[in-house]
Amino acid sequence: MEIYQITHEYAYDAEIWNVTSPMNPEEFELLIAYIQFEVNEIDEHVSLIHIDMVQRVLPLYGCKRTFDDILDDDDHDFDLHWIWESNTGKYDEILKMEKIPSP
C-alpha cells in the first residue's frame, strides 16, 4: 500500500490529509482526475475539496485515511487543483476511459 498526501491549494482548510491506496502514483493521479471530471460532467459548478475526496469518494476505490506521515516525495503529494490543471488537456480522453472499477 502506498501513502499519498491530498491537498487543495485553494481550500479554506489548509489541513493535509493522507490516504493509503493500492494504486501506484500514476494510477492514483488518473483516478483523482477522473473523479473530478465526472463530478464536473454532473454539475460544472461543483468541485470536490480534498476533505470530500478523502472522506467520501476515495474509500470507494480501496483508499483509507491514515495519520501516518509520508516521506518527502513529490510523487506522493497530490494537490487537487494542480491535478485538474495538469490533466485538463486530456479531459475527453480521461472521461472516455472505461469506468475505473471500485474494489
N, C-alpha and C. Protein backbone atom coordinates (compact mmCIF):
# COMPACT_ATOMS: atom_id res chain seq x y z
N MET A 1 0.84 -1.18 0.00
CA MET A 1 0.00 0.00 0.00
C MET A 1 0.88 1.24 0.00
N GLU A 2 0.48 2.19 -0.80
CA GLU A 2 1.18 3.47 -0.86
C GLU A 2 0.46 4.47 0.05
N ILE A 3 1.20 5.47 0.52
CA ILE A 3 0.60 6.56 1.28
C ILE A 3 0.74 7.83 0.45
N TYR A 4 -0.41 8.51 0.25
CA TYR A 4 -0.44 9.73 -0.54
C TYR A 4 -0.96 10.89 0.29
N GLN A 5 -0.43 12.06 0.01
CA GLN A 5 -0.86 13.30 0.67
C GLN A 5 -1.81 14.02 -0.28
N ILE A 6 -2.99 14.39 0.23
CA ILE A 6 -4.00 15.06 -0.58
C ILE A 6 -4.20 16.48 -0.04
N THR A 7 -4.10 17.46 -0.92
CA THR A 7 -4.32 18.86 -0.54
C THR A 7 -5.14 19.54 -1.64
N HIS A 8 -5.52 20.78 -1.37
CA HIS A 8 -6.14 21.61 -2.41
C HIS A 8 -5.65 23.03 -2.16
N GLU A 9 -4.96 23.55 -3.14
CA GLU A 9 -4.32 24.87 -2.99
C GLU A 9 -5.28 25.96 -2.54
N TYR A 10 -6.51 25.92 -3.00
CA TYR A 10 -7.44 26.99 -2.69
C TYR A 10 -8.50 26.62 -1.64
N ALA A 11 -8.28 25.55 -0.94
CA ALA A 11 -9.25 25.13 0.08
C ALA A 11 -9.19 26.06 1.28
N TYR A 12 -10.35 26.26 1.89
CA TYR A 12 -10.41 27.09 3.10
C TYR A 12 -9.64 26.45 4.24
N ASP A 13 -9.48 25.14 4.19
CA ASP A 13 -8.80 24.38 5.23
C ASP A 13 -7.48 23.88 4.65
N ALA A 14 -6.39 24.37 5.15
CA ALA A 14 -5.07 24.00 4.61
C ALA A 14 -4.57 22.68 5.18
N GLU A 15 -5.43 21.98 5.91
CA GLU A 15 -5.03 20.72 6.50
C GLU A 15 -4.65 19.71 5.42
N ILE A 16 -3.64 18.93 5.71
CA ILE A 16 -3.18 17.89 4.80
C ILE A 16 -3.83 16.58 5.22
N TRP A 17 -4.36 15.86 4.27
CA TRP A 17 -4.98 14.57 4.53
C TRP A 17 -4.17 13.49 3.82
N ASN A 18 -3.84 12.45 4.53
CA ASN A 18 -3.10 11.33 3.95
C ASN A 18 -4.02 10.13 3.79
N VAL A 19 -3.79 9.39 2.72
CA VAL A 19 -4.56 8.17 2.47
C VAL A 19 -3.63 7.04 2.07
N THR A 20 -4.05 5.82 2.35
CA THR A 20 -3.37 4.66 1.82
C THR A 20 -4.13 4.21 0.58
N SER A 21 -3.40 3.68 -0.38
CA SER A 21 -4.03 3.23 -1.62
C SER A 21 -3.24 2.06 -2.21
N PRO A 22 -3.94 1.13 -2.83
CA PRO A 22 -3.25 0.04 -3.51
C PRO A 22 -2.69 0.46 -4.89
N MET A 23 -2.98 1.69 -5.32
CA MET A 23 -2.56 2.16 -6.65
C MET A 23 -1.18 2.78 -6.63
N ASN A 24 -0.51 2.70 -7.78
CA ASN A 24 0.77 3.40 -7.91
C ASN A 24 0.48 4.89 -8.16
N PRO A 25 1.48 5.76 -8.06
CA PRO A 25 1.23 7.21 -8.20
C PRO A 25 0.54 7.62 -9.50
N GLU A 26 0.90 7.00 -10.62
CA GLU A 26 0.29 7.36 -11.90
C GLU A 26 -1.20 7.00 -11.91
N GLU A 27 -1.51 5.80 -11.42
CA GLU A 27 -2.92 5.38 -11.37
C GLU A 27 -3.72 6.26 -10.42
N PHE A 28 -3.10 6.62 -9.31
CA PHE A 28 -3.79 7.43 -8.30
C PHE A 28 -4.12 8.82 -8.86
N GLU A 29 -3.17 9.43 -9.54
CA GLU A 29 -3.43 10.75 -10.14
C GLU A 29 -4.53 10.65 -11.19
N LEU A 30 -4.49 9.61 -12.01
CA LEU A 30 -5.51 9.42 -13.03
C LEU A 30 -6.89 9.24 -12.39
N LEU A 31 -6.95 8.49 -11.30
CA LEU A 31 -8.22 8.30 -10.58
C LEU A 31 -8.76 9.64 -10.09
N ILE A 32 -7.91 10.45 -9.49
CA ILE A 32 -8.36 11.75 -8.97
C ILE A 32 -8.85 12.64 -10.11
N ALA A 33 -8.12 12.67 -11.22
CA ALA A 33 -8.55 13.47 -12.38
C ALA A 33 -9.89 12.95 -12.89
N TYR A 34 -10.03 11.65 -13.01
CA TYR A 34 -11.27 11.03 -13.50
C TYR A 34 -12.45 11.43 -12.60
N ILE A 35 -12.29 11.32 -11.30
CA ILE A 35 -13.36 11.66 -10.36
C ILE A 35 -13.73 13.14 -10.51
N GLN A 36 -12.74 14.01 -10.58
CA GLN A 36 -13.02 15.44 -10.72
C GLN A 36 -13.77 15.74 -12.02
N PHE A 37 -13.37 15.10 -13.10
CA PHE A 37 -14.02 15.33 -14.39
C PHE A 37 -15.43 14.78 -14.39
N GLU A 38 -15.66 13.62 -13.77
CA GLU A 38 -17.01 13.06 -13.67
C GLU A 38 -17.93 14.00 -12.88
N VAL A 39 -17.42 14.54 -11.78
CA VAL A 39 -18.21 15.49 -10.99
C VAL A 39 -18.53 16.71 -11.84
N ASN A 40 -17.58 17.20 -12.62
CA ASN A 40 -17.80 18.35 -13.48
C ASN A 40 -18.87 18.06 -14.53
N GLU A 41 -18.93 16.83 -15.03
CA GLU A 41 -19.94 16.47 -16.01
C GLU A 41 -21.34 16.51 -15.38
N ILE A 42 -21.43 16.18 -14.11
CA ILE A 42 -22.72 16.20 -13.41
C ILE A 42 -23.15 17.63 -13.14
N ASP A 43 -22.23 18.45 -12.65
CA ASP A 43 -22.53 19.85 -12.35
C ASP A 43 -21.23 20.64 -12.38
N GLU A 44 -21.08 21.47 -13.38
CA GLU A 44 -19.82 22.20 -13.55
C GLU A 44 -19.59 23.26 -12.47
N HIS A 45 -20.57 23.51 -11.64
CA HIS A 45 -20.42 24.49 -10.57
C HIS A 45 -20.00 23.85 -9.25
N VAL A 46 -19.80 22.56 -9.26
CA VAL A 46 -19.41 21.84 -8.05
C VAL A 46 -17.98 21.35 -8.21
N SER A 47 -17.22 21.48 -7.16
CA SER A 47 -15.89 20.88 -7.16
C SER A 47 -15.67 20.24 -5.80
N LEU A 48 -14.91 19.17 -5.80
CA LEU A 48 -14.61 18.49 -4.55
C LEU A 48 -13.37 19.10 -3.94
N ILE A 49 -13.40 19.30 -2.64
CA ILE A 49 -12.17 19.68 -1.96
C ILE A 49 -11.54 18.40 -1.43
N HIS A 50 -10.33 18.52 -0.95
CA HIS A 50 -9.58 17.34 -0.54
C HIS A 50 -10.28 16.56 0.57
N ILE A 51 -10.99 17.26 1.44
CA ILE A 51 -11.68 16.58 2.54
C ILE A 51 -12.80 15.69 1.98
N ASP A 52 -13.59 16.22 1.04
CA ASP A 52 -14.63 15.41 0.40
C ASP A 52 -14.04 14.19 -0.29
N MET A 53 -12.95 14.42 -0.99
CA MET A 53 -12.32 13.33 -1.73
C MET A 53 -11.89 12.22 -0.79
N VAL A 54 -11.25 12.57 0.32
CA VAL A 54 -10.73 11.56 1.25
C VAL A 54 -11.86 10.88 2.03
N GLN A 55 -12.82 11.66 2.48
CA GLN A 55 -13.87 11.09 3.33
C GLN A 55 -14.95 10.34 2.56
N ARG A 56 -15.29 10.81 1.36
CA ARG A 56 -16.47 10.28 0.70
C ARG A 56 -16.20 9.49 -0.57
N VAL A 57 -15.20 9.85 -1.33
CA VAL A 57 -15.04 9.24 -2.65
C VAL A 57 -13.94 8.18 -2.69
N LEU A 58 -12.75 8.52 -2.23
CA LEU A 58 -11.64 7.57 -2.34
C LEU A 58 -11.87 6.24 -1.63
N PRO A 59 -12.63 6.19 -0.52
CA PRO A 59 -12.90 4.88 0.08
C PRO A 59 -13.60 3.91 -0.86
N LEU A 60 -14.33 4.43 -1.84
CA LEU A 60 -14.98 3.57 -2.83
C LEU A 60 -13.96 2.85 -3.72
N TYR A 61 -12.73 3.32 -3.70
CA TYR A 61 -11.66 2.75 -4.53
C TYR A 61 -10.56 2.10 -3.68
N GLY A 62 -10.89 1.70 -2.49
CA GLY A 62 -9.94 0.98 -1.63
C GLY A 62 -8.97 1.85 -0.87
N CYS A 63 -9.19 3.15 -0.84
CA CYS A 63 -8.31 4.07 -0.12
C CYS A 63 -8.87 4.33 1.28
N LYS A 64 -7.96 4.53 2.22
CA LYS A 64 -8.37 4.82 3.59
C LYS A 64 -7.53 5.95 4.14
N ARG A 65 -8.16 6.78 4.95
CA ARG A 65 -7.42 7.86 5.59
C ARG A 65 -6.43 7.25 6.58
N THR A 66 -5.25 7.84 6.62
CA THR A 66 -4.24 7.41 7.57
C THR A 66 -3.62 8.64 8.21
N PHE A 67 -3.10 8.45 9.39
CA PHE A 67 -2.41 9.54 10.06
C PHE A 67 -0.90 9.33 10.01
N ASP A 68 -0.48 8.32 9.26
CA ASP A 68 0.95 8.09 9.05
C ASP A 68 1.48 9.19 8.13
N ASP A 69 2.71 9.57 8.35
CA ASP A 69 3.34 10.58 7.50
C ASP A 69 3.92 9.94 6.25
N ILE A 70 4.04 10.75 5.21
CA ILE A 70 4.72 10.28 4.01
C ILE A 70 6.14 10.82 4.02
N LEU A 71 6.97 10.21 3.23
CA LEU A 71 8.33 10.72 3.06
C LEU A 71 8.25 11.98 2.21
N ASP A 72 9.30 12.76 2.21
CA ASP A 72 9.33 13.93 1.34
C ASP A 72 9.51 13.43 -0.09
N ASP A 73 8.40 13.15 -0.72
CA ASP A 73 8.41 12.56 -2.04
C ASP A 73 7.31 13.22 -2.88
N ASP A 74 7.71 14.02 -3.86
CA ASP A 74 6.73 14.72 -4.69
C ASP A 74 5.81 13.77 -5.42
N ASP A 75 6.24 12.52 -5.66
CA ASP A 75 5.39 11.55 -6.35
C ASP A 75 4.20 11.13 -5.51
N HIS A 76 4.23 11.46 -4.22
CA HIS A 76 3.15 11.05 -3.32
C HIS A 76 2.36 12.24 -2.77
N ASP A 77 2.57 13.40 -3.35
CA ASP A 77 1.91 14.63 -2.91
C ASP A 77 0.97 15.07 -4.04
N PHE A 78 -0.34 15.04 -3.77
CA PHE A 78 -1.33 15.34 -4.80
C PHE A 78 -2.20 16.51 -4.39
N ASP A 79 -2.15 17.58 -5.17
CA ASP A 79 -2.99 18.75 -4.96
C ASP A 79 -4.11 18.70 -5.99
N LEU A 80 -5.36 18.70 -5.52
CA LEU A 80 -6.49 18.55 -6.43
C LEU A 80 -6.53 19.64 -7.49
N HIS A 81 -6.19 20.87 -7.12
CA HIS A 81 -6.19 21.96 -8.10
C HIS A 81 -5.17 21.68 -9.22
N TRP A 82 -3.99 21.27 -8.85
CA TRP A 82 -2.95 21.05 -9.86
C TRP A 82 -3.21 19.80 -10.69
N ILE A 83 -3.85 18.81 -10.10
CA ILE A 83 -4.23 17.63 -10.90
C ILE A 83 -5.25 18.05 -11.95
N TRP A 84 -6.21 18.86 -11.57
CA TRP A 84 -7.19 19.37 -12.55
C TRP A 84 -6.46 20.13 -13.66
N GLU A 85 -5.63 21.08 -13.26
CA GLU A 85 -4.94 21.92 -14.25
C GLU A 85 -4.05 21.10 -15.19
N SER A 86 -3.31 20.15 -14.64
CA SER A 86 -2.36 19.41 -15.47
C SER A 86 -3.02 18.35 -16.34
N ASN A 87 -4.26 17.99 -16.08
CA ASN A 87 -4.94 16.96 -16.86
C ASN A 87 -6.07 17.50 -17.72
N THR A 88 -6.35 18.80 -17.66
CA THR A 88 -7.46 19.37 -18.43
C THR A 88 -7.31 19.11 -19.92
N GLY A 89 -6.11 19.11 -20.43
CA GLY A 89 -5.88 18.84 -21.85
C GLY A 89 -6.24 17.42 -22.25
N LYS A 90 -6.36 16.54 -21.28
CA LYS A 90 -6.74 15.14 -21.54
C LYS A 90 -8.15 14.86 -21.05
N TYR A 91 -8.94 15.91 -20.84
CA TYR A 91 -10.29 15.80 -20.25
C TYR A 91 -11.12 14.73 -20.96
N ASP A 92 -11.31 14.89 -22.28
CA ASP A 92 -12.16 13.94 -23.03
C ASP A 92 -11.57 12.54 -23.02
N GLU A 93 -10.27 12.45 -23.17
CA GLU A 93 -9.60 11.15 -23.18
C GLU A 93 -9.81 10.42 -21.84
N ILE A 94 -9.67 11.14 -20.75
CA ILE A 94 -9.84 10.53 -19.43
C ILE A 94 -11.29 10.11 -19.22
N LEU A 95 -12.24 10.93 -19.64
CA LEU A 95 -13.65 10.58 -19.46
C LEU A 95 -14.07 9.41 -20.34
N LYS A 96 -13.39 9.21 -21.47
CA LYS A 96 -13.73 8.10 -22.36
C LYS A 96 -13.17 6.76 -21.88
N MET A 97 -12.32 6.80 -20.87
CA MET A 97 -11.79 5.56 -20.33
C MET A 97 -12.93 4.71 -19.81
N GLU A 98 -12.70 3.41 -19.77
CA GLU A 98 -13.68 2.58 -19.12
C GLU A 98 -13.78 3.04 -17.67
N LYS A 99 -14.94 2.89 -17.09
CA LYS A 99 -15.12 3.27 -15.70
C LYS A 99 -14.04 2.59 -14.86
N ILE A 100 -13.47 3.35 -13.97
CA ILE A 100 -12.46 2.78 -13.07
C ILE A 100 -13.23 1.99 -12.03
N PRO A 101 -13.02 0.69 -11.98
CA PRO A 101 -13.81 -0.12 -11.05
C PRO A 101 -13.41 0.10 -9.61
N SER A 102 -14.40 0.12 -8.75
CA SER A 102 -14.08 0.15 -7.32
C SER A 102 -13.93 -1.29 -6.86
N PRO A 103 -13.11 -1.51 -5.84
CA PRO A 103 -12.86 -2.89 -5.39
C PRO A 103 -14.12 -3.58 -4.90
